[in-house]
Amino acid sequence: MKLVVANVSTQIPHAAFRAAIRAIQKQVTNHFKPEWGCGAQLKPIAISLGARKAPIQKNADAILYLGDSSSDSTIGVKDAYGYHAANNKGIPYGFVYLDICASSKESWTCTLSHEVLELLGDPDAVLTVTGPSPKDDAATVYYDLEVCDPTQGDTYKIDGIVVSNFVGRRYFGMSGGSGRTNHLNRRLRPFGVRPGGYLQYELSGKAHLIYGSRVTEKHKAAKKKLERIRRNARREGRLSG
């Protein structure tokens, strides 16, 4: 996969942006691909959403945008969605905004790492895994295949850049991979959540969330805002509630 990561932010210097992409590329190649069997070539570019034509390769397989504010009238989510729809029809996409990173007290590099890995794990945001219901062990529900949500808050560094922890195949009851439930090998049972994490499952056409013990109301509010704009909003859009 060729994944374009477009820096539309006025706050992040392109040198810092490129350093983050190099670190996340190492994470994808050295850590994520051996576990999940899917990788990507990340291409960092700087663009202006006000431009008629942005220098995005037509053969890109997916795109992520890094912007300043989700509500900015120039580069906010509404314009980014419109920009994407006009110029990149039919390919997976996502957004990372600095204001939401700040409200959730998370490094933008960690959020970007999170979005890159989840896009690779489920590019079209449609995959689910059958697992035991959190309310009834005898029943089953459909868990969204999101590889970073359950370990939200767990981070590590690559070349000094903060990146996100992620779950392994064993977490979803799948064979192969490392045999660990998460890359950092923190305490985490299959279909569980880390203290700062969350997990979404689907039942009767509705989405339900499970939060870790350290998730505050402020974190929940930031996540709710994030879900309205990130690629996962497409997943929630097909549910009735």
C-alpha atoms as a PDB file:
ATOM      1  CA  MET A   1       0.000   0.000   0.000  1.00  0.00           C
ATOM      2  CA  LYS A   2       1.114   3.542  -0.802  1.00  0.00           C
ATOM      3  CA  LEU A   3      -0.109   5.758   2.020  1.00  0.00           C
ATOM      4  CA  VAL A   4       0.153   9.529   1.520  1.00  0.00           C
ATOM      5  CA  VAL A   5       0.281  11.537   4.750  1.00  0.00           C
ATOM      6  CA  ALA A   6      -0.505  15.182   4.022  1.00  0.00           C
ATOM      7  CA  ASN A   7       0.621  17.923   6.407  1.00  0.00           C
ATOM      8  CA  VAL A   8      -1.912  20.753   6.120  1.00  0.00           C
ATOM      9  CA  SER A   9      -0.998  22.127   9.547  1.00  0.00           C
ATOM     10  CA  THR A  10       0.518  25.588  10.030  1.00  0.00           C
ATOM     11  CA  GLN A  11       1.901  24.596  13.441  1.00  0.00           C
ATOM     12  CA  ILE A  12       3.993  21.528  12.634  1.00  0.00           C
ATOM     13  CA  PRO A  13       7.215  22.307  10.708  1.00  0.00           C
ATOM     14  CA  HIS A  14       7.673  19.963   7.792  1.00  0.00           C
ATOM     15  CA  ALA A  15      11.042  18.789   9.175  1.00  0.00           C
ATOM     16  CA  ALA A  16       9.350  17.609  12.380  1.00  0.00           C
ATOM     17  CA  PHE A  17       6.557  16.083  10.321  1.00  0.00           C
ATOM     18  CA  ARG A  18       9.010  14.146   8.152  1.00  0.00           C
ATOM     19  CA  ALA A  19      10.857  12.904  11.259  1.00  0.00           C
ATOM     20  CA  ALA A  20       7.566  11.570  12.618  1.00  0.00           C
ATOM     21  CA  ILE A  21       6.806   9.821   9.333  1.00  0.00           C
ATOM     22  CA  ARG A  22      10.236   8.166   9.333  1.00  0.00           C
ATOM     23  CA  ALA A  23       9.618   6.803  12.829  1.00  0.00           C
ATOM     24  CA  ILE A  24       6.118   5.584  11.986  1.00  0.00           C
ATOM     25  CA  GLN A  25       7.473   3.975   8.819  1.00  0.00           C
ATOM     26  CA  LYS A  26       9.885   1.981  10.998  1.00  0.00           C
ATOM     27  CA  GLN A  27       7.003   1.006  13.254  1.00  0.00           C
ATOM     28  CA  VAL A  28       4.947  -0.184  10.301  1.00  0.00           C
ATOM     29  CA  THR A  29       7.797  -2.145   8.722  1.00  0.00           C
ATOM     30  CA  ASN A  30       9.513  -3.575  11.800  1.00  0.00           C
ATOM     31  CA  HIS A  31       6.674  -4.017  14.287  1.00  0.00           C
ATOM     32  CA  PHE A  32       3.231  -3.941  12.680  1.00  0.00           C
ATOM     33  CA  LYS A  33       3.785  -5.850   9.445  1.00  0.00           C
ATOM     34  CA  PRO A  34       5.367  -8.918  11.136  1.00  0.00           C
ATOM     35  CA  GLU A  35       2.337  -9.115  13.443  1.00  0.00           C
ATOM     36  CA  TRP A  36      -0.487  -8.372  11.017  1.00  0.00           C
ATOM     37  CA  GLY A  37       1.040  -9.160   7.619  1.00  0.00           C
ATOM     38  CA  CYS A  38       0.216  -5.789   6.087  1.00  0.00           C
ATOM     39  CA  GLY A  39       2.526  -2.848   5.563  1.00  0.00           C
ATOM     40  CA  ALA A  40       2.749   0.400   3.646  1.00  0.00           C
ATOM     41  CA  GLN A  41       5.093   2.871   2.043  1.00  0.00           C
ATOM     42  CA  LEU A  42       4.425   6.200   3.741  1.00  0.00           C
ATOM     43  CA  LYS A  43       4.855   9.333   1.646  1.00  0.00           C
ATOM     44  CA  PRO A  44       4.892  12.671   3.525  1.00  0.00           C
ATOM     45  CA  ILE A  45       3.783  15.758   1.621  1.00  0.00           C
ATOM     46  CA  ALA A  46       2.805  19.339   2.489  1.00  0.00           C
ATOM     47  CA  ILE A  47      -0.319  20.761   0.867  1.00  0.00           C
ATOM     48  CA  SER A  48      -2.796  23.611   1.100  1.00  0.00           C
ATOM     49  CA  LEU A  49      -6.448  22.624   1.061  1.00  0.00           C
ATOM     50  CA  GLY A  50      -7.181  25.911  -0.669  1.00  0.00           C
ATOM     51  CA  ALA A  51      -5.186  24.885  -3.714  1.00  0.00           C
ATOM     52  CA  ARG A  52      -7.034  23.791  -6.839  1.00  0.00           C
ATOM     53  CA  LYS A  53      -4.749  20.822  -7.280  1.00  0.00           C
ATOM     54  CA  ALA A  54      -2.564  19.288  -4.557  1.00  0.00           C
ATOM     55  CA  PRO A  55       0.576  17.297  -5.378  1.00  0.00           C
ATOM     56  CA  ILE A  56      -0.907  13.932  -4.430  1.00  0.00           C
ATOM     57  CA  GLN A  57       0.071  10.922  -6.490  1.00  0.00           C
ATOM     58  CA  LYS A  58      -2.895   9.548  -8.377  1.00  0.00           C
ATOM     59  CA  ASN A  59      -1.808   5.996  -7.612  1.00  0.00           C
ATOM     60  CA  ALA A  60      -1.911   6.504  -3.822  1.00  0.00           C
ATOM     61  CA  ASP A  61      -3.874   3.764  -2.075  1.00  0.00           C
ATOM     62  CA  ALA A  62      -4.876   5.829   0.978  1.00  0.00           C
ATOM     63  CA  ILE A  63      -4.423   9.277   2.509  1.00  0.00           C
ATOM     64  CA  LEU A  64      -4.295  10.802   5.989  1.00  0.00           C
ATOM     65  CA  TYR A  65      -4.464  14.537   6.716  1.00  0.00           C
ATOM     66  CA  LEU A  66      -2.747  16.305   9.630  1.00  0.00           C
ATOM     67  CA  GLY A  67      -4.383  19.677  10.351  1.00  0.00           C
ATOM     68  CA  ASP A  68      -4.545  22.336  13.054  1.00  0.00           C
ATOM     69  CA  SER A  69      -8.220  22.546  13.968  1.00  0.00           C
ATOM     70  CA  SER A  70     -11.208  20.339  13.298  1.00  0.00           C
ATOM     71  CA  SER A  71     -13.456  23.407  13.171  1.00  0.00           C
ATOM     72  CA  ASP A  72     -11.214  25.816  11.253  1.00  0.00           C
ATOM     73  CA  SER A  73     -13.090  27.389   8.341  1.00  0.00           C
ATOM     74  CA  THR A  74     -10.157  26.825   6.001  1.00  0.00           C
ATOM     75  CA  ILE A  75      -8.694  23.454   6.929  1.00  0.00           C
ATOM     76  CA  GLY A  76     -11.338  22.053   9.244  1.00  0.00           C
ATOM     77  CA  VAL A  77     -13.019  18.729   8.799  1.00  0.00           C
ATOM     78  CA  LYS A  78     -15.841  19.999   6.583  1.00  0.00           C
ATOM     79  CA  ASP A  79     -13.380  21.354   4.035  1.00  0.00           C
ATOM     80  CA  ALA A  80     -11.107  18.348   4.350  1.00  0.00           C
ATOM     81  CA  TYR A  81     -13.992  15.978   3.684  1.00  0.00           C
ATOM     82  CA  GLY A  82     -14.991  18.048   0.671  1.00  0.00           C
ATOM     83  CA  TYR A  83     -11.425  18.206  -0.539  1.00  0.00           C
ATOM     84  CA  HIS A  84     -11.028  14.479  -0.210  1.00  0.00           C
ATOM     85  CA  ALA A  85     -14.314  13.721  -1.954  1.00  0.00           C
ATOM     86  CA  ALA A  86     -13.352  15.913  -4.898  1.00  0.00           C
ATOM     87  CA  ASN A  87      -9.793  14.722  -5.343  1.00  0.00           C
ATOM     88  CA  ASN A  88      -9.451  11.218  -3.921  1.00  0.00           C
ATOM     89  CA  LYS A  89     -12.655   9.340  -4.598  1.00  0.00           C
ATOM     90  CA  GLY A  90     -12.771   5.715  -3.622  1.00  0.00           C
ATOM     91  CA  ILE A  91      -9.661   5.412  -1.451  1.00  0.00           C
ATOM     92  CA  PRO A  92      -9.441   5.067   2.356  1.00  0.00           C
ATOM     93  CA  TYR A  93      -8.726   8.281   4.246  1.00  0.00           C
ATOM     94  CA  GLY A  94      -8.503   9.717   7.749  1.00  0.00           C
ATOM     95  CA  PHE A  95      -7.803  12.868   9.754  1.00  0.00           C
ATOM     96  CA  VAL A  96      -5.638  13.920  12.683  1.00  0.00           C
ATOM     97  CA  TYR A  97      -6.242  17.371  14.183  1.00  0.00           C
ATOM     98  CA  LEU A  98      -3.991  19.096  16.697  1.00  0.00           C
ATOM     99  CA  ASP A  99      -6.837  20.618  18.720  1.00  0.00           C
ATOM    100  CA  ILE A 100      -8.293  17.184  19.415  1.00  0.00           C
ATOM    101  CA  CYS A 101      -4.862  15.783  20.273  1.00  0.00           C
ATOM    102  CA  ALA A 102      -4.447  18.631  22.780  1.00  0.00           C
ATOM    103  CA  SER A 103      -7.896  18.112  24.316  1.00  0.00           C
ATOM    104  CA  SER A 104      -7.168  14.423  24.845  1.00  0.00           C
ATOM    105  CA  LYS A 105      -3.625  15.220  26.073  1.00  0.00           C
ATOM    106  CA  GLU A 106      -2.051  12.979  23.476  1.00  0.00           C
ATOM    107  CA  SER A 107       1.001  13.626  21.333  1.00  0.00           C
ATOM    108  CA  TRP A 108       0.064  14.272  17.711  1.00  0.00           C
ATOM    109  CA  THR A 109       2.718  11.775  16.629  1.00  0.00           C
ATOM    110  CA  CYS A 110       1.028   9.104  18.743  1.00  0.00           C
ATOM    111  CA  THR A 111      -2.380   9.934  17.265  1.00  0.00           C
ATOM    112  CA  LEU A 112      -0.926   9.848  13.764  1.00  0.00           C
ATOM    113  CA  SER A 113       0.711   6.488  14.479  1.00  0.00           C
ATOM    114  CA  HIS A 114      -2.650   5.265  15.810  1.00  0.00           C
ATOM    115  CA  GLU A 115      -4.478   6.305  12.645  1.00  0.00           C
ATOM    116  CA  VAL A 116      -1.835   4.866  10.313  1.00  0.00           C
ATOM    117  CA  LEU A 117      -1.946   1.456  11.991  1.00  0.00           C
ATOM    118  CA  GLU A 118      -5.738   1.321  12.162  1.00  0.00           C
ATOM    119  CA  LEU A 119      -6.044   2.285   8.514  1.00  0.00           C
ATOM    120  CA  LEU A 120      -3.655  -0.549   7.611  1.00  0.00           C
ATOM    121  CA  GLY A 121      -5.506  -3.029   9.829  1.00  0.00           C
ATOM    122  CA  ASP A 122      -8.899  -2.217   8.295  1.00  0.00           C
ATOM    123  CA  PRO A 123      -8.617   0.237   5.373  1.00  0.00           C
ATOM    124  CA  ASP A 124     -12.347   0.408   4.687  1.00  0.00           C
ATOM    125  CA  ALA A 125     -13.449   0.412   8.354  1.00  0.00           C
ATOM    126  CA  VAL A 126     -15.816  -2.509   7.810  1.00  0.00           C
ATOM    127  CA  LEU A 127     -14.152  -5.497   9.485  1.00  0.00           C
ATOM    128  CA  THR A 128     -15.499  -7.059  12.667  1.00  0.00           C
ATOM    129  CA  VAL A 129     -14.494 -10.057  14.751  1.00  0.00           C
ATOM    130  CA  THR A 130     -16.937 -12.321  16.576  1.00  0.00           C
ATOM    131  CA  GLY A 131     -16.199 -12.556  20.276  1.00  0.00           C
ATOM    132  CA  PRO A 132     -17.811 -13.136  23.666  1.00  0.00           C
ATOM    133  CA  SER A 133     -20.316 -10.539  24.819  1.00  0.00           C
ATOM    134  CA  PRO A 134     -18.963  -8.352  27.643  1.00  0.00           C
ATOM    135  CA  LYS A 135     -22.305  -8.819  29.420  1.00  0.00           C
ATOM    136  CA  ASP A 136     -22.947 -12.505  28.767  1.00  0.00           C
ATOM    137  CA  ASP A 137     -20.153 -15.031  28.175  1.00  0.00           C
ATOM    138  CA  ALA A 138     -22.615 -17.394  26.520  1.00  0.00           C
ATOM    139  CA  ALA A 139     -23.534 -14.817  23.859  1.00  0.00           C
ATOM    140  CA  THR A 140     -21.441 -13.336  21.050  1.00  0.00           C
ATOM    141  CA  VAL A 141     -21.146  -9.847  19.587  1.00  0.00           C
ATOM    142  CA  TYR A 142     -19.205  -8.225  16.745  1.00  0.00           C
ATOM    143  CA  TYR A 143     -16.094  -6.292  17.777  1.00  0.00           C
ATOM    144  CA  ASP A 144     -14.753  -3.654  15.409  1.00  0.00           C
ATOM    145  CA  LEU A 145     -11.270  -4.528  14.213  1.00  0.00           C
ATOM    146  CA  GLU A 146      -9.485  -1.472  15.589  1.00  0.00           C
ATOM    147  CA  VAL A 147      -5.910  -2.296  16.486  1.00  0.00           C
ATOM    148  CA  CYS A 148      -5.000   0.711  18.663  1.00  0.00           C
ATOM    149  CA  ASP A 149      -8.195   1.635  20.525  1.00  0.00           C
ATOM    150  CA  PRO A 150      -7.874  -1.056  23.249  1.00  0.00           C
ATOM    151  CA  THR A 151      -4.323   0.082  24.071  1.00  0.00           C
ATOM    152  CA  GLN A 152      -5.022   3.832  23.846  1.00  0.00           C
ATOM    153  CA  GLY A 153      -2.687   5.589  26.267  1.00  0.00           C
ATOM    154  CA  ASP A 154       0.133   3.033  25.951  1.00  0.00           C
ATOM    155  CA  THR A 155       3.034   4.509  23.996  1.00  0.00           C
ATOM    156  CA  TYR A 156       6.672   3.908  23.165  1.00  0.00           C
ATOM    157  CA  LYS A 157       9.373   5.752  21.264  1.00  0.00           C
ATOM    158  CA  ILE A 158      11.149   5.157  17.982  1.00  0.00           C
ATOM    159  CA  ASP A 159      14.091   7.500  17.381  1.00  0.00           C
ATOM    160  CA  GLY A 160      12.670   9.779  20.065  1.00  0.00           C
ATOM    161  CA  ILE A 161       9.226   9.950  18.418  1.00  0.00           C
ATOM    162  CA  VAL A 162       6.198   8.851  20.472  1.00  0.00           C
ATOM    163  CA  VAL A 163       4.120   6.162  18.746  1.00  0.00           C
ATOM    164  CA  SER A 164       1.099   4.103  19.740  1.00  0.00           C
ATOM    165  CA  ASN A 165       0.983   0.609  21.157  1.00  0.00           C
ATOM    166  CA  PHE A 166      -1.275  -1.796  19.239  1.00  0.00           C
ATOM    167  CA  VAL A 167      -2.947  -5.145  19.779  1.00  0.00           C
ATOM    168  CA  GLY A 168      -1.744  -8.405  18.280  1.00  0.00           C
ATOM    169  CA  ARG A 169      -3.668 -11.102  16.449  1.00  0.00           C
ATOM    170  CA  ARG A 170      -4.100 -13.105  19.652  1.00  0.00           C
ATOM    171  CA  TYR A 171      -6.143 -10.237  21.096  1.00  0.00           C
ATOM    172  CA  PHE A 172      -8.922 -11.007  18.599  1.00  0.00           C
ATOM    173  CA  GLY A 173      -8.540 -14.777  18.968  1.00  0.00           C
ATOM    174  CA  MET A 174      -6.641 -15.091  15.684  1.00  0.00           C
ATOM    175  CA  SER A 175      -3.734 -17.445  15.032  1.00  0.00           C
ATOM    176  CA  GLY A 176      -0.277 -16.335  13.939  1.00  0.00           C
ATOM    177  CA  GLY A 177       1.698 -13.272  14.823  1.00  0.00           C
ATOM    178  CA  SER A 178       3.704 -12.909  18.005  1.00  0.00           C
ATOM    179  CA  GLY A 179       1.239 -14.714  20.246  1.00  0.00           C
ATOM    180  CA  ARG A 180       0.978 -11.591  22.436  1.00  0.00           C
ATOM    181  CA  THR A 181      -2.212  -9.627  22.899  1.00  0.00           C
ATOM    182  CA  ASN A 182      -0.321  -6.354  22.385  1.00  0.00           C
ATOM    183  CA  HIS A 183       3.023  -5.191  21.049  1.00  0.00           C
ATOM    184  CA  LEU A 184       4.368  -3.914  24.382  1.00  0.00           C
ATOM    185  CA  ASN A 185       3.210  -7.116  26.085  1.00  0.00           C
ATOM    186  CA  ARG A 186       1.315  -5.194  28.762  1.00  0.00           C
ATOM    187  CA  ARG A 187      -1.330  -6.991  30.790  1.00  0.00           C
ATOM    188  CA  LEU A 188      -4.321  -7.342  28.463  1.00  0.00           C
ATOM    189  CA  ARG A 189      -6.733 -10.215  27.984  1.00  0.00           C
ATOM    190  CA  PRO A 190      -8.365 -10.943  24.611  1.00  0.00           C
ATOM    191  CA  PHE A 191     -11.240  -8.520  23.940  1.00  0.00           C
ATOM    192  CA  GLY A 192     -10.252  -6.502  27.013  1.00  0.00           C
ATOM    193  CA  VAL A 193      -9.146  -2.886  27.370  1.00  0.00           C
ATOM    194  CA  ARG A 194      -6.078  -1.261  28.859  1.00  0.00           C
ATOM    195  CA  PRO A 195      -6.653   1.377  31.610  1.00  0.00           C
ATOM    196  CA  GLY A 196      -6.677   4.247  29.098  1.00  0.00           C
ATOM    197  CA  GLY A 197      -8.213   2.312  26.236  1.00  0.00           C
ATOM    198  CA  TYR A 198     -11.632   1.678  24.770  1.00  0.00           C
ATOM    199  CA  LEU A 199     -13.336  -0.931  22.663  1.00  0.00           C
ATOM    200  CA  GLN A 200     -16.362  -0.794  20.390  1.00  0.00           C
ATOM    201  CA  TYR A 201     -18.697  -3.653  19.615  1.00  0.00           C
ATOM    202  CA  GLU A 202     -21.865  -3.907  17.572  1.00  0.00           C
ATOM    203  CA  LEU A 203     -25.116  -5.457  18.674  1.00  0.00           C
ATOM    204  CA  SER A 204     -28.560  -5.196  17.063  1.00  0.00           C
ATOM    205  CA  GLY A 205     -27.325  -2.548  14.649  1.00  0.00           C
ATOM    206  CA  LYS A 206     -25.977  -0.268  17.357  1.00  0.00           C
ATOM    207  CA  ALA A 207     -22.469   0.631  18.527  1.00  0.00           C
ATOM    208  CA  HIS A 208     -21.525   0.139  22.170  1.00  0.00           C
ATOM    209  CA  LEU A 209     -18.361   1.318  23.894  1.00  0.00           C
ATOM    210  CA  ILE A 210     -16.309  -0.188  26.719  1.00  0.00           C
ATOM    211  CA  TYR A 211     -13.889   2.189  28.442  1.00  0.00           C
ATOM    212  CA  GLY A 212     -10.768   1.426  30.452  1.00  0.00           C
ATOM    213  CA  SER A 213     -10.501   2.362  34.126  1.00  0.00           C
ATOM    214  CA  ARG A 214      -8.511   5.562  33.593  1.00  0.00           C
ATOM    215  CA  VAL A 215     -10.681   7.078  30.883  1.00  0.00           C
ATOM    216  CA  THR A 216     -12.099  10.373  32.182  1.00  0.00           C
ATOM    217  CA  GLU A 217     -15.199  12.245  31.042  1.00  0.00           C
ATOM    218  CA  LYS A 218     -12.877  14.696  29.281  1.00  0.00           C
ATOM    219  CA  HIS A 219     -11.281  11.823  27.379  1.00  0.00           C
ATOM    220  CA  LYS A 220     -14.727  10.515  26.448  1.00  0.00           C
ATOM    221  CA  ALA A 221     -15.752  13.935  25.136  1.00  0.00           C
ATOM    222  CA  ALA A 222     -12.556  14.177  23.058  1.00  0.00           C
ATOM    223  CA  LYS A 223     -13.123  10.689  21.690  1.00  0.00           C
ATOM    224  CA  LYS A 224     -16.730  11.508  20.795  1.00  0.00           C
ATOM    225  CA  LYS A 225     -15.534  14.511  18.817  1.00  0.00           C
ATOM    226  CA  LEU A 226     -12.791  12.463  17.216  1.00  0.00           C
ATOM    227  CA  GLU A 227     -15.222   9.760  16.121  1.00  0.00           C
ATOM    228  CA  ARG A 228     -17.255  12.338  14.214  1.00  0.00           C
ATOM    229  CA  ILE A 229     -14.322  13.204  11.995  1.00  0.00           C
ATOM    230  CA  ARG A 230     -11.894  10.310  11.845  1.00  0.00           C
ATOM    231  CA  ARG A 231     -12.136   7.465   9.380  1.00  0.00           C
ATOM    232  CA  ASN A 232     -14.043   5.448  11.974  1.00  0.00           C
ATOM    233  CA  ALA A 233     -17.007   7.770  11.472  1.00  0.00           C
ATOM    234  CA  ARG A 234     -17.660   5.806   8.290  1.00  0.00           C
ATOM    235  CA  ARG A 235     -18.008   2.704  10.419  1.00  0.00           C
ATOM    236  CA  GLU A 236     -20.449   4.375  12.791  1.00  0.00           C
ATOM    237  CA  GLY A 237     -22.335   5.849   9.857  1.00  0.00           C
ATOM    238  CA  ARG A 238     -23.598   2.431   8.805  1.00  0.00           C
ATOM    239  CA  LEU A 239     -25.062   1.731  12.236  1.00  0.00           C
ATOM    240  CA  SER A 240     -28.494   2.864  13.275  1.00  0.00           C
ATOM    241  CA  GLY A 241     -27.415   4.245  16.651  1.00  0.00           C
END
